[in-house]
C-alpha cells in the first residue's frame, strides 16, 4: 500500500495487522508431531519388515517402497545432508566390511572439515544387503552405474 500511495498515512493498517498477528493462535502445534530418533528408526525398520512380509504382486513398487524406508532408516541412524545421502555410491562411499557396511565420506562430500566414516547400525545391515543384492538391480532396469539410490527411471 505505501508503494501505491506513498503520501498516505498507513500507520492504522500496520497497527491493525500487528493486533491480528499477536492474536493469532497456532492451529497446529509442532510439539506433538515431533518424534524422537529412536522411534523413527524403529518405525523405518518395521516398515522394512512389513514390506518384506507382503507378497511382491507389484515388484517395482515393492522395490521403491523398500528403498524409501531404507533411506529413512539410514537418515535417522546416521544423519547426513540430503545431497550427500543422494550422491552415495556403491564401492566408493558404501563399502562392505566383515560384519556389515561402512559409509566413508571424503572432504569433497562434506561441508565440514576432514573425511568421515561410520558403520551402518547392525539392525540395518541385512536390509542394506537385501537392497543391494535383490532390489537395487530391479530398480536399475538394465542401467549400469554405481549410485546407491536408484530413481524410478533407473538413474542415480
C-alpha atoms as a PDB file:
ATOM      1  CA  UNK A   1       0.000   0.000   0.000  1.00  0.00           C
ATOM      2  CA  UNK A   2       2.761   2.533   0.732  1.00  0.00           C
ATOM      3  CA  UNK A   3       4.044   1.956  -2.794  1.00  0.00           C
ATOM      4  CA  UNK A   4       0.631   2.783  -4.253  1.00  0.00           C
ATOM      5  CA  UNK A   5       0.072   5.860  -2.120  1.00  0.00           C
ATOM      6  CA  UNK A   6       3.369   6.929  -0.544  1.00  0.00           C
ATOM      7  CA  UNK A   7       1.971  10.152   0.910  1.00  0.00           C
ATOM      8  CA  UNK A   8      -0.912   8.485   2.792  1.00  0.00           C
ATOM      9  CA  UNK A   9      -0.708   7.553   6.475  1.00  0.00           C
ATOM     10  CA  UNK A  10      -0.668   3.726   6.669  1.00  0.00           C
ATOM     11  CA  UNK A  11       0.043   3.507  10.394  1.00  0.00           C
ATOM     12  CA  UNK A  12      -3.529   2.386  11.090  1.00  0.00           C
ATOM     13  CA  UNK A  13      -3.052  -0.572   8.746  1.00  0.00           C
ATOM     14  CA  UNK A  14       0.255  -1.563  10.384  1.00  0.00           C
ATOM     15  CA  UNK A  15      -1.339  -1.396  13.858  1.00  0.00           C
ATOM     16  CA  UNK A  16      -4.322  -3.488  12.742  1.00  0.00           C
ATOM     17  CA  UNK A  17      -2.064  -6.096  11.127  1.00  0.00           C
ATOM     18  CA  UNK A  18       0.061  -6.206  14.301  1.00  0.00           C
ATOM     19  CA  UNK A  19      -3.023  -6.781  16.505  1.00  0.00           C
ATOM     20  CA  UNK A  20      -4.201  -9.582  14.245  1.00  0.00           C
ATOM     21  CA  UNK A  21      -0.777 -11.184  14.224  1.00  0.00           C
ATOM     22  CA  UNK A  22      -0.455 -11.021  18.025  1.00  0.00           C
ATOM     23  CA  UNK A  23      -3.935 -12.502  18.479  1.00  0.00           C
ATOM     24  CA  UNK A  24      -3.389 -15.371  16.065  1.00  0.00           C
ATOM     25  CA  UNK A  25      -3.170 -18.823  17.610  1.00  0.00           C
ATOM     26  CA  UNK A  26      -1.073 -21.583  16.089  1.00  0.00           C
ATOM     27  CA  UNK A  27      -3.674 -24.100  14.966  1.00  0.00           C
ATOM     28  CA  UNK A  28      -1.180 -26.953  14.587  1.00  0.00           C
ATOM     29  CA  UNK A  29       1.257 -27.087  17.494  1.00  0.00           C
ATOM     30  CA  UNK A  30       4.511 -28.682  16.429  1.00  0.00           C
ATOM     31  CA  UNK A  31       5.412 -30.431  19.707  1.00  0.00           C
ATOM     32  CA  UNK A  32       3.037 -33.410  19.314  1.00  0.00           C
ATOM     33  CA  UNK A  33       4.302 -34.009  15.771  1.00  0.00           C
ATOM     34  CA  UNK A  34       7.965 -34.254  16.769  1.00  0.00           C
ATOM     35  CA  UNK A  35       9.183 -37.847  17.066  1.00  0.00           C
ATOM     36  CA  UNK A  36      12.380 -38.955  18.716  1.00  0.00           C
ATOM     37  CA  UNK A  37      15.041 -40.537  16.520  1.00  0.00           C
ATOM     38  CA  UNK A  38      14.847 -43.990  18.135  1.00  0.00           C
ATOM     39  CA  UNK A  39      11.108 -44.135  17.435  1.00  0.00           C
ATOM     40  CA  UNK A  40      11.597 -43.054  13.815  1.00  0.00           C
ATOM     41  CA  UNK A  41      14.343 -45.641  13.323  1.00  0.00           C
ATOM     42  CA  UNK A  42      12.158 -48.419  14.739  1.00  0.00           C
ATOM     43  CA  UNK A  43       9.271 -47.320  12.526  1.00  0.00           C
ATOM     44  CA  UNK A  44      11.527 -47.453   9.466  1.00  0.00           C
ATOM     45  CA  UNK A  45      12.754 -50.942  10.410  1.00  0.00           C
ATOM     46  CA  UNK A  46       9.148 -52.041  10.973  1.00  0.00           C
ATOM     47  CA  UNK A  47       8.235 -50.665   7.563  1.00  0.00           C
ATOM     48  CA  UNK A  48      11.108 -52.630   6.003  1.00  0.00           C
ATOM     49  CA  UNK A  49       9.926 -55.809   7.725  1.00  0.00           C
ATOM     50  CA  UNK A  50       6.345 -55.107   6.667  1.00  0.00           C
ATOM     51  CA  UNK A  51       7.388 -54.649   3.062  1.00  0.00           C
ATOM     52  CA  UNK A  52       9.279 -57.942   3.185  1.00  0.00           C
ATOM     53  CA  UNK A  53       6.211 -59.729   4.595  1.00  0.00           C
ATOM     54  CA  UNK A  54       3.934 -58.608   1.751  1.00  0.00           C
ATOM     55  CA  UNK A  55       3.806 -60.637  -1.453  1.00  0.00           C
ATOM     56  CA  UNK A  56       5.529 -58.970  -4.373  1.00  0.00           C
ATOM     57  CA  UNK A  57       2.442 -58.514  -6.550  1.00  0.00           C
ATOM     58  CA  UNK A  58       3.982 -55.314  -7.918  1.00  0.00           C
ATOM     59  CA  UNK A  59       7.761 -55.930  -7.808  1.00  0.00           C
ATOM     60  CA  UNK A  60       8.787 -52.421  -8.869  1.00  0.00           C
ATOM     61  CA  UNK A  61       6.536 -50.728  -6.268  1.00  0.00           C
ATOM     62  CA  UNK A  62       7.841 -53.204  -3.688  1.00  0.00           C
ATOM     63  CA  UNK A  63      11.437 -52.243  -4.501  1.00  0.00           C
ATOM     64  CA  UNK A  64      10.781 -48.484  -4.375  1.00  0.00           C
ATOM     65  CA  UNK A  65       8.922 -48.745  -1.049  1.00  0.00           C
ATOM     66  CA  UNK A  66      11.816 -50.767   0.380  1.00  0.00           C
ATOM     67  CA  UNK A  67      14.329 -48.200  -0.931  1.00  0.00           C
ATOM     68  CA  UNK A  68      12.389 -45.321   0.628  1.00  0.00           C
ATOM     69  CA  UNK A  69      12.097 -46.992   4.039  1.00  0.00           C
ATOM     70  CA  UNK A  70      15.802 -47.877   3.946  1.00  0.00           C
ATOM     71  CA  UNK A  71      16.695 -44.266   3.140  1.00  0.00           C
ATOM     72  CA  UNK A  72      14.653 -43.078   6.118  1.00  0.00           C
ATOM     73  CA  UNK A  73      16.295 -45.624   8.422  1.00  0.00           C
ATOM     74  CA  UNK A  74      19.756 -44.596   7.231  1.00  0.00           C
ATOM     75  CA  UNK A  75      18.988 -40.888   7.534  1.00  0.00           C
ATOM     76  CA  UNK A  76      17.756 -41.284  11.102  1.00  0.00           C
ATOM     77  CA  UNK A  77      20.566 -43.612  12.182  1.00  0.00           C
ATOM     78  CA  UNK A  78      23.388 -41.697  10.500  1.00  0.00           C
ATOM     79  CA  UNK A  79      22.249 -38.125   9.782  1.00  0.00           C
ATOM     80  CA  UNK A  80      23.987 -36.664   6.760  1.00  0.00           C
ATOM     81  CA  UNK A  81      22.990 -33.897   4.369  1.00  0.00           C
ATOM     82  CA  UNK A  82      20.367 -34.758   1.749  1.00  0.00           C
ATOM     83  CA  UNK A  83      22.765 -34.021  -1.091  1.00  0.00           C
ATOM     84  CA  UNK A  84      25.388 -36.286   0.459  1.00  0.00           C
ATOM     85  CA  UNK A  85      22.820 -39.038   1.035  1.00  0.00           C
ATOM     86  CA  UNK A  86      21.557 -38.773  -2.540  1.00  0.00           C
ATOM     87  CA  UNK A  87      25.052 -38.925  -4.018  1.00  0.00           C
ATOM     88  CA  UNK A  88      26.269 -42.028  -2.167  1.00  0.00           C
ATOM     89  CA  UNK A  89      27.952 -44.533  -4.486  1.00  0.00           C
ATOM     90  CA  UNK A  90      28.362 -48.262  -4.025  1.00  0.00           C
ATOM     91  CA  UNK A  91      32.039 -49.138  -3.704  1.00  0.00           C
ATOM     92  CA  UNK A  92      33.149 -45.534  -3.247  1.00  0.00           C
ATOM     93  CA  UNK A  93      31.053 -44.392  -0.278  1.00  0.00           C
ATOM     94  CA  UNK A  94      29.315 -47.602   0.783  1.00  0.00           C
ATOM     95  CA  UNK A  95      31.784 -50.401   1.335  1.00  0.00           C
ATOM     96  CA  UNK A  96      31.164 -53.902   2.641  1.00  0.00           C
ATOM     97  CA  UNK A  97      33.104 -54.972   5.728  1.00  0.00           C
ATOM     98  CA  UNK A  98      33.433 -58.299   7.501  1.00  0.00           C
ATOM     99  CA  UNK A  99      30.475 -57.504   9.761  1.00  0.00           C
ATOM    100  CA  UNK A 100      28.351 -55.066   7.743  1.00  0.00           C
ATOM    101  CA  UNK A 101      28.838 -51.905   5.744  1.00  0.00           C
ATOM    102  CA  UNK A 102      30.902 -48.780   6.189  1.00  0.00           C
ATOM    103  CA  UNK A 103      29.964 -45.363   4.856  1.00  0.00           C
ATOM    104  CA  UNK A 104      33.094 -43.436   4.025  1.00  0.00           C
ATOM    105  CA  UNK A 105      32.823 -39.768   3.076  1.00  0.00           C
ATOM    106  CA  UNK A 106      35.674 -37.662   1.772  1.00  0.00           C
ATOM    107  CA  UNK A 107      36.245 -33.936   2.139  1.00  0.00           C
ATOM    108  CA  UNK A 108      34.544 -33.281  -1.234  1.00  0.00           C
ATOM    109  CA  UNK A 109      31.368 -34.973   0.035  1.00  0.00           C
ATOM    110  CA  UNK A 110      31.076 -32.863   3.182  1.00  0.00           C
ATOM    111  CA  UNK A 111      30.699 -29.261   4.224  1.00  0.00           C
ATOM    112  CA  UNK A 112      32.673 -29.850   7.412  1.00  0.00           C
ATOM    113  CA  UNK A 113      36.392 -30.439   7.597  1.00  0.00           C
ATOM    114  CA  UNK A 114      38.092 -33.794   7.205  1.00  0.00           C
ATOM    115  CA  UNK A 115      36.872 -37.166   5.995  1.00  0.00           C
ATOM    116  CA  UNK A 116      34.252 -39.057   7.963  1.00  0.00           C
ATOM    117  CA  UNK A 117      33.396 -42.742   8.166  1.00  0.00           C
ATOM    118  CA  UNK A 118      30.883 -44.709  10.175  1.00  0.00           C
ATOM    119  CA  UNK A 119      29.409 -48.204  10.135  1.00  0.00           C
ATOM    120  CA  UNK A 120      25.772 -48.911   9.407  1.00  0.00           C
ATOM    121  CA  UNK A 121      23.845 -49.971  12.503  1.00  0.00           C
ATOM    122  CA  UNK A 122      23.795 -53.777  12.784  1.00  0.00           C
ATOM    123  CA  UNK A 123      19.986 -53.811  12.621  1.00  0.00           C
ATOM    124  CA  UNK A 124      20.025 -52.219   9.160  1.00  0.00           C
ATOM    125  CA  UNK A 125      22.791 -54.407   7.672  1.00  0.00           C
ATOM    126  CA  UNK A 126      20.528 -57.259   6.467  1.00  0.00           C
ATOM    127  CA  UNK A 127      18.173 -54.736   4.867  1.00  0.00           C
ATOM    128  CA  UNK A 128      21.027 -52.980   3.051  1.00  0.00           C
ATOM    129  CA  UNK A 129      22.381 -56.350   1.877  1.00  0.00           C
ATOM    130  CA  UNK A 130      18.943 -57.309   0.523  1.00  0.00           C
ATOM    131  CA  UNK A 131      18.578 -53.950  -1.197  1.00  0.00           C
ATOM    132  CA  UNK A 132      21.978 -54.257  -2.868  1.00  0.00           C
ATOM    133  CA  UNK A 133      21.587 -57.912  -3.877  1.00  0.00           C
ATOM    134  CA  UNK A 134      17.956 -58.081  -4.959  1.00  0.00           C
ATOM    135  CA  UNK A 135      16.106 -54.763  -5.136  1.00  0.00           C
ATOM    136  CA  UNK A 136      18.668 -52.309  -6.476  1.00  0.00           C
ATOM    137  CA  UNK A 137      19.232 -54.416  -9.640  1.00  0.00           C
ATOM    138  CA  UNK A 138      15.457 -54.435 -10.173  1.00  0.00           C
ATOM    139  CA  UNK A 139      15.350 -50.633  -9.910  1.00  0.00           C
ATOM    140  CA  UNK A 140      18.317 -50.246 -12.280  1.00  0.00           C
ATOM    141  CA  UNK A 141      16.177 -51.660 -15.125  1.00  0.00           C
ATOM    142  CA  UNK A 142      19.229 -52.628 -17.135  1.00  0.00           C
ATOM    143  CA  UNK A 143      21.203 -49.437 -16.493  1.00  0.00           C
ATOM    144  CA  UNK A 144      24.691 -49.763 -15.047  1.00  0.00           C
ATOM    145  CA  UNK A 145      26.084 -47.227 -12.597  1.00  0.00           C
ATOM    146  CA  UNK A 146      27.336 -47.107  -9.032  1.00  0.00           C
ATOM    147  CA  UNK A 147      24.680 -44.845  -7.480  1.00  0.00           C
ATOM    148  CA  UNK A 148      23.298 -46.327  -4.279  1.00  0.00           C
ATOM    149  CA  UNK A 149      19.812 -44.864  -4.566  1.00  0.00           C
ATOM    150  CA  UNK A 150      18.060 -45.522  -7.849  1.00  0.00           C
ATOM    151  CA  UNK A 151      15.192 -43.438  -9.251  1.00  0.00           C
ATOM    152  CA  UNK A 152      12.061 -44.828 -10.895  1.00  0.00           C
ATOM    153  CA  UNK A 153      13.811 -44.347 -14.251  1.00  0.00           C
ATOM    154  CA  UNK A 154      16.872 -46.362 -13.259  1.00  0.00           C
ATOM    155  CA  UNK A 155      19.100 -43.304 -12.805  1.00  0.00           C
ATOM    156  CA  UNK A 156      21.180 -42.121  -9.854  1.00  0.00           C
END
